[in-house]
Protein backbone atom coordinates (compact mmCIF):
# COMPACT_ATOMS: atom_id res chain seq x y z
CA MET A 1 -15.14 -8.70 9.66
CA SER A 2 -12.65 -9.87 7.06
CA LYS A 3 -13.89 -11.17 3.74
CA ALA A 4 -12.89 -14.50 2.28
CA VAL A 5 -10.35 -14.32 -0.52
CA LEU A 6 -11.15 -17.89 -1.60
CA ARG A 7 -13.90 -20.43 -0.90
CA ALA A 8 -13.78 -24.18 -1.46
CA LYS A 9 -16.44 -26.85 -0.99
CA ILE A 10 -15.27 -30.13 0.51
CA ARG A 11 -16.73 -33.54 1.35
CA VAL A 12 -15.58 -35.54 4.37
CA GLY A 13 -14.22 -38.93 3.31
CA SER A 14 -12.83 -40.25 6.61
CA VAL A 15 -13.13 -39.70 10.33
CA ILE A 16 -10.49 -41.76 12.12
CA GLU A 17 -10.44 -42.08 15.90
CA THR A 18 -7.11 -42.66 17.65
CA VAL A 19 -7.13 -44.43 21.01
CA SER A 20 -4.38 -45.11 23.53
CA HIS A 21 -2.95 -48.63 23.37
CA ASP A 22 -0.93 -48.71 26.57
CA GLY A 23 -0.66 -47.51 30.15
CA THR A 24 -3.46 -46.63 32.50
CA ASN A 25 -5.30 -44.78 29.71
CA LYS A 26 -5.52 -47.82 27.42
CA GLY A 27 -8.59 -47.54 25.20
CA GLU A 28 -9.03 -43.81 25.89
CA LYS A 29 -9.80 -41.71 22.84
CA LEU A 30 -6.94 -39.31 22.03
CA ASN A 31 -8.13 -37.48 18.91
CA GLU A 32 -10.05 -37.55 15.63
CA ARG A 33 -8.45 -37.24 12.23
CA ILE A 34 -10.63 -35.70 9.52
CA ILE A 35 -9.77 -36.24 5.85
CA ALA A 36 -11.74 -34.36 3.19
CA HIS A 37 -11.47 -33.58 -0.52
CA ALA A 38 -13.00 -31.17 -3.01
CA VAL A 39 -16.54 -32.08 -4.05
CA TYR A 40 -16.99 -33.53 -7.52
CA SER A 41 -19.93 -34.25 -9.80
CA ASP A 42 -20.41 -35.15 -13.47
CA ASP A 43 -24.12 -34.29 -13.24
CA PRO A 44 -24.59 -31.02 -15.19
CA THR A 45 -27.55 -30.06 -12.95
CA SER A 46 -25.59 -30.53 -9.72
CA GLU A 47 -24.30 -27.54 -7.77
CA ASN A 48 -21.15 -29.63 -7.19
CA LYS A 49 -20.47 -29.72 -10.95
CA GLN A 50 -19.66 -25.99 -10.72
CA TRP A 51 -17.59 -26.40 -7.54
CA SER A 52 -15.51 -29.16 -9.12
CA LYS A 53 -14.97 -27.00 -12.20
CA TRP A 54 -13.44 -24.14 -10.23
CA THR A 55 -11.83 -26.12 -7.39
CA PRO A 56 -10.97 -29.47 -8.99
CA SER A 57 -8.47 -30.50 -6.33
CA PHE A 58 -8.35 -29.93 -2.58
CA HIS A 59 -7.14 -32.11 0.30
CA LEU A 60 -7.69 -31.45 4.00
CA ASP A 61 -6.09 -33.61 6.68
CA MET A 62 -6.82 -32.30 10.17
CA THR A 63 -6.33 -33.76 13.65
CA ILE A 64 -8.70 -32.59 16.38
CA ASN A 65 -7.49 -32.98 19.98
CA ASN A 66 -10.39 -31.06 21.58
CA PRO A 67 -12.92 -33.56 23.02
CA GLY A 68 -15.62 -30.87 22.77
CA ALA A 69 -15.17 -30.86 18.97
CA TRP A 70 -15.24 -34.64 18.48
CA GLY A 71 -18.24 -35.99 16.63
CA LYS A 72 -19.07 -32.66 14.97
CA VAL A 73 -17.96 -33.84 11.51
CA LYS A 74 -19.42 -36.93 9.83
CA ILE A 75 -18.38 -38.93 6.76
CA GLY A 76 -20.20 -37.71 3.65
CA GLU A 77 -20.99 -34.24 5.00
CA GLU A 78 -20.09 -31.25 2.84
CA PHE A 79 -18.59 -28.00 4.14
CA LEU A 80 -17.56 -24.63 2.78
CA VAL A 81 -14.00 -23.66 3.67
CA ASP A 82 -13.22 -19.95 3.59
CA PHE A 83 -9.69 -18.63 3.31
CA ILE A 84 -9.50 -15.35 5.17
CA LEU A 85 -6.20 -13.54 5.46
CA ALA A 86 -5.14 -13.60 9.11
CA ALA A 87 -4.62 -10.16 10.59
CA GLU A 88 -1.03 -9.28 11.34
CA THR A 89 -0.45 -8.96 15.06
CA LYS A 90 2.40 -7.43 17.02
CA GLU A 91 3.84 -9.56 19.75
CA SER A 92 4.93 -7.68 22.85
């Protein structure tokens, strides 16, 4: 298994649902948009004080089209994001 070359801690700020506004699928959910930022804390005893020191800025804006993944991420939740170098693959 590959090892992370970088880790960030983020907090979800928004979960925005998009629904269809026309046609026969009017009102049907199309996707969720997740917006998250680096955690931050001024509290010297908080674990997030250290995270915000080393990763002071981070922005994630992700659209999820998979209905099976909807509802898995909630506003205010915190996540670790690992950056792992993708393996090079040869296309045939």
